[in-house]
Amino acid sequence: MKLVDTDETVVLVTGSDIRAEERDRPTAYRLKQEVDRLSDGQPFRRAVVVGDAWYLENRIFHLNPTIAIGGPGVNGLAAELTQALPVLWSRDQRAFVQADFDADPKRGLLWGANAESTMVAVETFVSQGFLADLLRRIWRFRTEVYV
């Protein structure tokens, strides 16, 4: 049974250590709720939350649009993406939105100097239209017929 579509399911990646689990995973689930709320009922148009260790070991999911949540000190994927993605927004060198939505697959990184700053980055990602832009780019009209 297919649970994830590499074109439409957004993978949200948090760190796997206890600090990230306690601080960043709840923030990731808030972002997941927003992604799921914006879906239009199409199968697979949703978000899933996974840990960085699992994500980095399961390369098939690297084909999905992906957003890392949490800084490079607690998230292995964030450590890879901080130098690779342009900064789209920052506040006081404490909260950052980095992304490349023109690339394929699309990647984003939402992080801060601490859990509160990471939450600010996620809230900004939603409120300033970055999430809507990403979803508009990946959730295009599909012509396939599901039986």
N, C-alpha and C. Protein backbone atom coordinates (compact mmCIF):
# COMPACT_ATOMS: atom_id res chain seq x y z
N MET A 1 0.84 -1.18 0.00
CA MET A 1 0.00 0.00 0.00
C MET A 1 0.89 1.25 0.00
N LYS A 2 0.65 2.12 -0.94
CA LYS A 2 1.44 3.34 -1.08
C LYS A 2 0.99 4.36 -0.05
N LEU A 3 1.95 4.91 0.71
CA LEU A 3 1.64 5.90 1.74
C LEU A 3 2.22 7.28 1.43
N VAL A 4 3.25 7.30 0.58
CA VAL A 4 3.96 8.54 0.29
C VAL A 4 4.16 8.64 -1.22
N ASP A 5 3.95 9.83 -1.76
CA ASP A 5 4.21 10.11 -3.17
C ASP A 5 5.42 11.03 -3.24
N THR A 6 6.42 10.65 -4.01
CA THR A 6 7.66 11.45 -4.05
C THR A 6 7.45 12.84 -4.64
N ASP A 7 6.38 13.03 -5.40
CA ASP A 7 6.11 14.35 -5.98
C ASP A 7 5.31 15.25 -5.05
N GLU A 8 4.44 14.68 -4.22
CA GLU A 8 3.48 15.50 -3.50
C GLU A 8 3.56 15.46 -1.98
N THR A 9 4.13 14.42 -1.41
CA THR A 9 4.21 14.32 0.04
C THR A 9 5.44 15.09 0.52
N VAL A 10 5.23 16.03 1.42
CA VAL A 10 6.31 16.84 1.97
C VAL A 10 6.88 16.12 3.19
N VAL A 11 8.19 15.93 3.21
CA VAL A 11 8.86 15.28 4.34
C VAL A 11 9.45 16.38 5.23
N LEU A 12 9.02 16.38 6.49
CA LEU A 12 9.53 17.31 7.50
C LEU A 12 10.52 16.55 8.36
N VAL A 13 11.74 17.03 8.45
CA VAL A 13 12.82 16.30 9.12
C VAL A 13 13.30 17.06 10.35
N THR A 14 13.21 16.42 11.51
CA THR A 14 13.74 17.01 12.75
C THR A 14 14.97 16.22 13.18
N GLY A 15 15.69 16.75 14.13
CA GLY A 15 16.81 16.01 14.70
C GLY A 15 16.30 14.81 15.47
N SER A 16 17.18 13.85 15.68
CA SER A 16 16.79 12.62 16.37
C SER A 16 17.21 12.57 17.83
N ASP A 17 18.06 13.51 18.26
CA ASP A 17 18.48 13.46 19.66
C ASP A 17 17.37 14.00 20.57
N ILE A 18 17.53 13.82 21.85
CA ILE A 18 16.47 14.14 22.80
C ILE A 18 16.10 15.62 22.79
N ARG A 19 17.09 16.51 22.62
CA ARG A 19 16.79 17.95 22.58
C ARG A 19 15.88 18.29 21.40
N ALA A 20 16.19 17.74 20.25
CA ALA A 20 15.36 18.01 19.06
C ALA A 20 13.98 17.37 19.20
N GLU A 21 13.94 16.17 19.75
CA GLU A 21 12.64 15.50 19.95
C GLU A 21 11.74 16.33 20.86
N GLU A 22 12.30 16.87 21.91
CA GLU A 22 11.51 17.64 22.87
C GLU A 22 11.13 19.03 22.35
N ARG A 23 12.05 19.65 21.63
CA ARG A 23 11.87 21.07 21.28
C ARG A 23 11.39 21.30 19.85
N ASP A 24 11.94 20.58 18.88
CA ASP A 24 11.63 20.86 17.49
C ASP A 24 10.52 19.99 16.91
N ARG A 25 10.35 18.78 17.42
CA ARG A 25 9.31 17.92 16.86
C ARG A 25 7.91 18.50 17.05
N PRO A 26 7.57 19.07 18.22
CA PRO A 26 6.24 19.71 18.32
C PRO A 26 6.05 20.83 17.29
N THR A 27 7.09 21.59 17.01
CA THR A 27 7.03 22.64 16.00
C THR A 27 6.81 22.04 14.62
N ALA A 28 7.48 20.93 14.34
CA ALA A 28 7.30 20.24 13.06
C ALA A 28 5.87 19.76 12.90
N TYR A 29 5.28 19.27 13.97
CA TYR A 29 3.88 18.81 13.89
C TYR A 29 2.92 19.97 13.67
N ARG A 30 3.24 21.15 14.16
CA ARG A 30 2.40 22.31 13.87
C ARG A 30 2.47 22.65 12.38
N LEU A 31 3.68 22.55 11.80
CA LEU A 31 3.83 22.79 10.37
C LEU A 31 3.11 21.70 9.57
N LYS A 32 3.19 20.46 10.02
CA LYS A 32 2.47 19.36 9.37
C LYS A 32 0.97 19.65 9.34
N GLN A 33 0.43 20.11 10.44
CA GLN A 33 -1.00 20.44 10.49
C GLN A 33 -1.37 21.49 9.45
N GLU A 34 -0.51 22.46 9.27
CA GLU A 34 -0.77 23.51 8.29
C GLU A 34 -0.70 22.96 6.86
N VAL A 35 0.31 22.15 6.58
CA VAL A 35 0.41 21.53 5.25
C VAL A 35 -0.84 20.69 4.99
N ASP A 36 -1.20 19.84 5.95
CA ASP A 36 -2.37 18.98 5.78
C ASP A 36 -3.64 19.80 5.61
N ARG A 37 -3.77 20.91 6.32
CA ARG A 37 -4.95 21.77 6.21
C ARG A 37 -5.07 22.36 4.81
N LEU A 38 -3.94 22.67 4.19
CA LEU A 38 -3.95 23.29 2.87
C LEU A 38 -4.14 22.30 1.73
N SER A 39 -4.08 21.02 2.03
CA SER A 39 -4.26 20.02 0.97
C SER A 39 -5.69 20.08 0.47
N ASP A 40 -5.91 19.64 -0.75
CA ASP A 40 -7.25 19.72 -1.34
C ASP A 40 -7.93 18.36 -1.45
N GLY A 41 -7.52 17.44 -0.62
CA GLY A 41 -8.14 16.12 -0.61
C GLY A 41 -7.52 15.13 -1.57
N GLN A 42 -6.53 15.57 -2.36
CA GLN A 42 -5.85 14.65 -3.26
C GLN A 42 -5.04 13.66 -2.43
N PRO A 43 -4.99 12.41 -2.87
CA PRO A 43 -4.17 11.43 -2.15
C PRO A 43 -2.71 11.91 -2.09
N PHE A 44 -2.09 11.71 -0.97
CA PHE A 44 -0.66 11.96 -0.76
C PHE A 44 -0.29 13.43 -0.58
N ARG A 45 -1.23 14.35 -0.73
CA ARG A 45 -0.93 15.77 -0.49
C ARG A 45 -1.01 16.01 1.00
N ARG A 46 0.13 15.79 1.64
CA ARG A 46 0.21 15.89 3.09
C ARG A 46 1.68 15.98 3.47
N ALA A 47 1.92 16.07 4.78
CA ALA A 47 3.29 16.07 5.28
C ALA A 47 3.47 14.89 6.22
N VAL A 48 4.68 14.39 6.28
CA VAL A 48 5.06 13.37 7.26
C VAL A 48 6.26 13.90 8.02
N VAL A 49 6.35 13.58 9.31
CA VAL A 49 7.46 14.03 10.16
C VAL A 49 8.34 12.82 10.45
N VAL A 50 9.64 12.97 10.21
CA VAL A 50 10.61 11.90 10.46
C VAL A 50 11.85 12.48 11.13
N GLY A 51 12.63 11.62 11.74
CA GLY A 51 13.90 12.02 12.33
C GLY A 51 15.01 12.04 11.29
N ASP A 52 16.04 12.85 11.55
CA ASP A 52 17.14 12.98 10.60
C ASP A 52 17.90 11.68 10.37
N ALA A 53 18.10 10.90 11.41
CA ALA A 53 18.84 9.64 11.24
C ALA A 53 18.08 8.72 10.28
N TRP A 54 16.77 8.61 10.47
CA TRP A 54 15.96 7.77 9.59
C TRP A 54 16.01 8.30 8.16
N TYR A 55 15.81 9.60 8.00
CA TYR A 55 15.81 10.23 6.68
C TYR A 55 17.14 10.00 5.96
N LEU A 56 18.23 10.25 6.64
CA LEU A 56 19.55 10.12 6.01
C LEU A 56 19.87 8.68 5.62
N GLU A 57 19.28 7.71 6.31
CA GLU A 57 19.50 6.30 5.99
C GLU A 57 18.58 5.77 4.89
N ASN A 58 17.47 6.44 4.62
CA ASN A 58 16.49 6.00 3.65
C ASN A 58 16.46 6.96 2.47
N ARG A 59 17.39 6.75 1.56
CA ARG A 59 17.63 7.70 0.48
C ARG A 59 16.46 7.84 -0.50
N ILE A 60 15.55 6.91 -0.55
CA ILE A 60 14.41 7.03 -1.44
C ILE A 60 13.59 8.28 -1.11
N PHE A 61 13.56 8.67 0.15
CA PHE A 61 12.78 9.83 0.56
C PHE A 61 13.48 11.15 0.24
N HIS A 62 14.71 11.08 -0.24
CA HIS A 62 15.42 12.28 -0.67
C HIS A 62 14.83 12.83 -1.96
N LEU A 63 13.96 12.04 -2.61
CA LEU A 63 13.27 12.48 -3.82
C LEU A 63 12.09 13.40 -3.51
N ASN A 64 11.61 13.37 -2.27
CA ASN A 64 10.46 14.17 -1.86
C ASN A 64 10.85 15.62 -1.61
N PRO A 65 9.89 16.55 -1.78
CA PRO A 65 10.11 17.89 -1.26
C PRO A 65 10.35 17.76 0.25
N THR A 66 11.38 18.43 0.75
CA THR A 66 11.81 18.21 2.13
C THR A 66 12.08 19.53 2.83
N ILE A 67 11.65 19.60 4.10
CA ILE A 67 11.94 20.75 4.94
C ILE A 67 12.59 20.24 6.22
N ALA A 68 13.81 20.70 6.49
CA ALA A 68 14.49 20.38 7.75
C ALA A 68 14.10 21.44 8.77
N ILE A 69 13.83 20.99 10.00
CA ILE A 69 13.43 21.89 11.07
C ILE A 69 14.39 21.72 12.23
N GLY A 70 15.02 22.81 12.64
CA GLY A 70 16.02 22.76 13.70
C GLY A 70 17.39 23.03 13.11
N GLY A 71 18.28 23.53 13.93
CA GLY A 71 19.59 23.95 13.47
C GLY A 71 20.58 22.84 13.23
N PRO A 72 21.72 23.19 12.64
CA PRO A 72 22.74 22.21 12.31
C PRO A 72 23.35 21.51 13.53
N GLY A 73 23.18 22.07 14.71
CA GLY A 73 23.71 21.42 15.91
C GLY A 73 22.86 20.25 16.39
N VAL A 74 21.59 20.19 15.95
CA VAL A 74 20.70 19.12 16.40
C VAL A 74 20.07 18.33 15.26
N ASN A 75 20.31 18.74 14.02
CA ASN A 75 19.68 18.09 12.88
C ASN A 75 20.74 17.84 11.81
N GLY A 76 21.00 16.57 11.53
CA GLY A 76 22.03 16.21 10.55
C GLY A 76 21.72 16.71 9.15
N LEU A 77 20.46 16.69 8.75
CA LEU A 77 20.10 17.22 7.43
C LEU A 77 20.32 18.73 7.40
N ALA A 78 19.98 19.42 8.47
CA ALA A 78 20.21 20.87 8.55
C ALA A 78 21.69 21.17 8.38
N ALA A 79 22.54 20.35 8.97
CA ALA A 79 23.98 20.56 8.84
C ALA A 79 24.41 20.48 7.37
N GLU A 80 23.77 19.62 6.60
CA GLU A 80 24.08 19.51 5.17
C GLU A 80 23.53 20.69 4.38
N LEU A 81 22.37 21.20 4.78
CA LEU A 81 21.67 22.20 3.98
C LEU A 81 22.08 23.65 4.27
N THR A 82 22.66 23.93 5.44
CA THR A 82 22.94 25.33 5.78
C THR A 82 23.83 26.02 4.76
N GLN A 83 24.79 25.32 4.21
CA GLN A 83 25.68 25.94 3.22
C GLN A 83 25.13 25.83 1.80
N ALA A 84 24.17 24.94 1.58
CA ALA A 84 23.67 24.69 0.23
C ALA A 84 22.49 25.56 -0.17
N LEU A 85 21.72 26.04 0.80
CA LEU A 85 20.49 26.77 0.49
C LEU A 85 20.64 28.27 0.75
N PRO A 86 20.08 29.09 -0.12
CA PRO A 86 20.14 30.54 0.11
C PRO A 86 19.21 30.94 1.26
N VAL A 87 19.59 32.00 1.95
CA VAL A 87 18.77 32.55 3.02
C VAL A 87 17.71 33.44 2.37
N LEU A 88 16.44 33.14 2.63
CA LEU A 88 15.33 33.93 2.11
C LEU A 88 14.84 34.96 3.13
N TRP A 89 15.06 34.66 4.41
CA TRP A 89 14.60 35.54 5.48
C TRP A 89 15.43 35.25 6.72
N SER A 90 15.74 36.29 7.47
CA SER A 90 16.40 36.08 8.77
C SER A 90 15.99 37.22 9.70
N ARG A 91 16.07 36.94 10.98
CA ARG A 91 15.79 37.96 11.99
C ARG A 91 16.91 37.95 13.02
N ASP A 92 17.61 39.09 13.10
CA ASP A 92 18.63 39.32 14.13
C ASP A 92 19.67 38.20 14.21
N GLN A 93 19.95 37.56 13.09
CA GLN A 93 20.92 36.46 13.05
C GLN A 93 20.57 35.36 14.06
N ARG A 94 19.27 35.22 14.36
CA ARG A 94 18.82 34.21 15.32
C ARG A 94 17.80 33.25 14.74
N ALA A 95 17.07 33.67 13.70
CA ALA A 95 16.05 32.82 13.07
C ALA A 95 16.22 32.93 11.56
N PHE A 96 16.10 31.78 10.88
CA PHE A 96 16.41 31.74 9.45
C PHE A 96 15.41 30.88 8.68
N VAL A 97 15.08 31.35 7.48
CA VAL A 97 14.37 30.55 6.49
C VAL A 97 15.30 30.46 5.30
N GLN A 98 15.70 29.25 4.97
CA GLN A 98 16.55 29.01 3.81
C GLN A 98 15.79 28.05 2.91
N ALA A 99 15.87 28.26 1.60
CA ALA A 99 15.14 27.36 0.70
C ALA A 99 15.60 27.53 -0.74
N ASP A 100 15.35 26.50 -1.51
CA ASP A 100 15.50 26.53 -2.96
C ASP A 100 14.31 25.78 -3.54
N PHE A 101 13.31 26.55 -3.98
CA PHE A 101 12.09 25.95 -4.54
C PHE A 101 12.15 25.83 -6.05
N ASP A 102 13.24 26.31 -6.66
CA ASP A 102 13.41 26.14 -8.10
C ASP A 102 14.10 24.81 -8.41
N ALA A 103 14.86 24.30 -7.47
CA ALA A 103 15.57 23.04 -7.66
C ALA A 103 14.58 21.87 -7.61
N ASP A 104 15.05 20.74 -8.03
CA ASP A 104 14.23 19.54 -7.93
C ASP A 104 15.10 18.43 -7.35
N PRO A 105 14.80 17.89 -6.21
CA PRO A 105 13.62 18.18 -5.40
C PRO A 105 13.78 19.48 -4.61
N LYS A 106 12.66 20.02 -4.22
CA LYS A 106 12.63 21.28 -3.48
C LYS A 106 13.06 21.05 -2.04
N ARG A 107 13.83 21.99 -1.50
CA ARG A 107 14.38 21.86 -0.15
C ARG A 107 14.18 23.15 0.63
N GLY A 108 13.94 22.99 1.93
CA GLY A 108 13.85 24.14 2.82
C GLY A 108 14.51 23.81 4.14
N LEU A 109 14.90 24.84 4.85
CA LEU A 109 15.52 24.69 6.17
C LEU A 109 14.99 25.82 7.04
N LEU A 110 14.35 25.46 8.14
CA LEU A 110 13.78 26.42 9.08
C LEU A 110 14.47 26.21 10.41
N TRP A 111 15.20 27.21 10.87
CA TRP A 111 15.98 27.00 12.09
C TRP A 111 16.27 28.30 12.80
N GLY A 112 16.72 28.14 14.04
CA GLY A 112 17.08 29.29 14.83
C GLY A 112 18.17 28.96 15.83
N ALA A 113 18.60 29.97 16.55
CA ALA A 113 19.65 29.82 17.55
C ALA A 113 19.19 28.97 18.72
N ASN A 114 17.88 28.86 18.91
CA ASN A 114 17.31 28.02 19.96
C ASN A 114 15.92 27.58 19.50
N ALA A 115 15.23 26.81 20.32
CA ALA A 115 13.92 26.28 19.93
C ALA A 115 12.90 27.39 19.67
N GLU A 116 12.96 28.45 20.45
CA GLU A 116 12.02 29.55 20.26
C GLU A 116 12.27 30.24 18.92
N SER A 117 13.52 30.44 18.56
CA SER A 117 13.85 31.05 17.28
C SER A 117 13.47 30.14 16.11
N THR A 118 13.62 28.85 16.31
CA THR A 118 13.17 27.91 15.28
C THR A 118 11.67 28.03 15.08
N MET A 119 10.93 28.16 16.16
CA MET A 119 9.48 28.32 16.07
C MET A 119 9.14 29.61 15.30
N VAL A 120 9.89 30.67 15.54
CA VAL A 120 9.68 31.93 14.81
C VAL A 120 9.92 31.71 13.31
N ALA A 121 10.96 30.97 12.97
CA ALA A 121 11.25 30.68 11.55
C ALA A 121 10.10 29.91 10.92
N VAL A 122 9.55 28.93 11.61
CA VAL A 122 8.44 28.14 11.09
C VAL A 122 7.20 29.01 10.94
N GLU A 123 6.91 29.82 11.93
CA GLU A 123 5.74 30.71 11.85
C GLU A 123 5.89 31.69 10.69
N THR A 124 7.08 32.21 10.48
CA THR A 124 7.34 33.13 9.37
C THR A 124 7.19 32.40 8.04
N PHE A 125 7.67 31.18 7.96
CA PHE A 125 7.56 30.37 6.74
C PHE A 125 6.10 30.26 6.31
N VAL A 126 5.22 30.10 7.29
CA VAL A 126 3.78 30.00 7.00
C VAL A 126 3.19 31.37 6.72
N SER A 127 3.40 32.33 7.62
CA SER A 127 2.70 33.62 7.53
C SER A 127 3.18 34.51 6.39
N GLN A 128 4.42 34.37 5.96
CA GLN A 128 4.95 35.22 4.89
C GLN A 128 4.80 34.60 3.50
N GLY A 129 4.10 33.47 3.40
CA GLY A 129 3.78 32.89 2.09
C GLY A 129 4.79 31.92 1.52
N PHE A 130 5.86 31.62 2.25
CA PHE A 130 6.84 30.66 1.74
C PHE A 130 6.22 29.27 1.58
N LEU A 131 5.43 28.85 2.56
CA LEU A 131 4.78 27.54 2.47
C LEU A 131 3.81 27.51 1.30
N ALA A 132 3.00 28.54 1.16
CA ALA A 132 2.04 28.58 0.04
C ALA A 132 2.77 28.51 -1.30
N ASP A 133 3.91 29.20 -1.41
CA ASP A 133 4.70 29.16 -2.64
C ASP A 133 5.19 27.74 -2.91
N LEU A 134 5.73 27.08 -1.90
CA LEU A 134 6.21 25.71 -2.07
C LEU A 134 5.07 24.80 -2.53
N LEU A 135 3.95 24.85 -1.84
CA LEU A 135 2.84 23.95 -2.17
C LEU A 135 2.29 24.24 -3.56
N ARG A 136 2.24 25.49 -3.97
CA ARG A 136 1.79 25.85 -5.31
C ARG A 136 2.70 25.22 -6.37
N ARG A 137 3.97 25.15 -6.06
CA ARG A 137 4.93 24.57 -7.02
C ARG A 137 4.86 23.05 -7.09
N ILE A 138 4.53 22.39 -5.98
CA ILE A 138 4.54 20.92 -6.00
C ILE A 138 3.16 20.30 -6.18
N TRP A 139 2.12 21.00 -5.78
CA TRP A 139 0.77 20.44 -5.87
C TRP A 139 0.07 20.95 -7.12
N ARG A 140 0.58 20.57 -8.24
CA ARG A 140 -0.03 20.98 -9.50
C ARG A 140 -1.22 20.08 -9.82
N PHE A 141 -2.01 20.48 -10.77
CA PHE A 141 -3.18 19.70 -11.18
C PHE A 141 -2.71 18.37 -11.75
N ARG A 142 -3.29 17.30 -11.27
CA ARG A 142 -2.92 15.97 -11.76
C ARG A 142 -4.02 15.44 -12.66
N THR A 143 -3.60 14.81 -13.75
CA THR A 143 -4.57 14.31 -14.72
C THR A 143 -4.79 12.81 -14.62
N GLU A 144 -4.03 12.14 -13.79
CA GLU A 144 -4.18 10.70 -13.67
C GLU A 144 -5.54 10.37 -13.07
N VAL A 145 -6.04 9.22 -13.43
CA VAL A 145 -7.30 8.74 -12.88
C VAL A 145 -6.97 7.68 -11.85
N TYR A 146 -7.50 7.84 -10.62
CA TYR A 146 -7.29 6.87 -9.57
C TYR A 146 -8.46 5.91 -9.58
N VAL A 147 -8.17 4.61 -9.60
CA VAL A 147 -9.23 3.59 -9.62
C VAL A 147 -9.19 2.80 -8.33
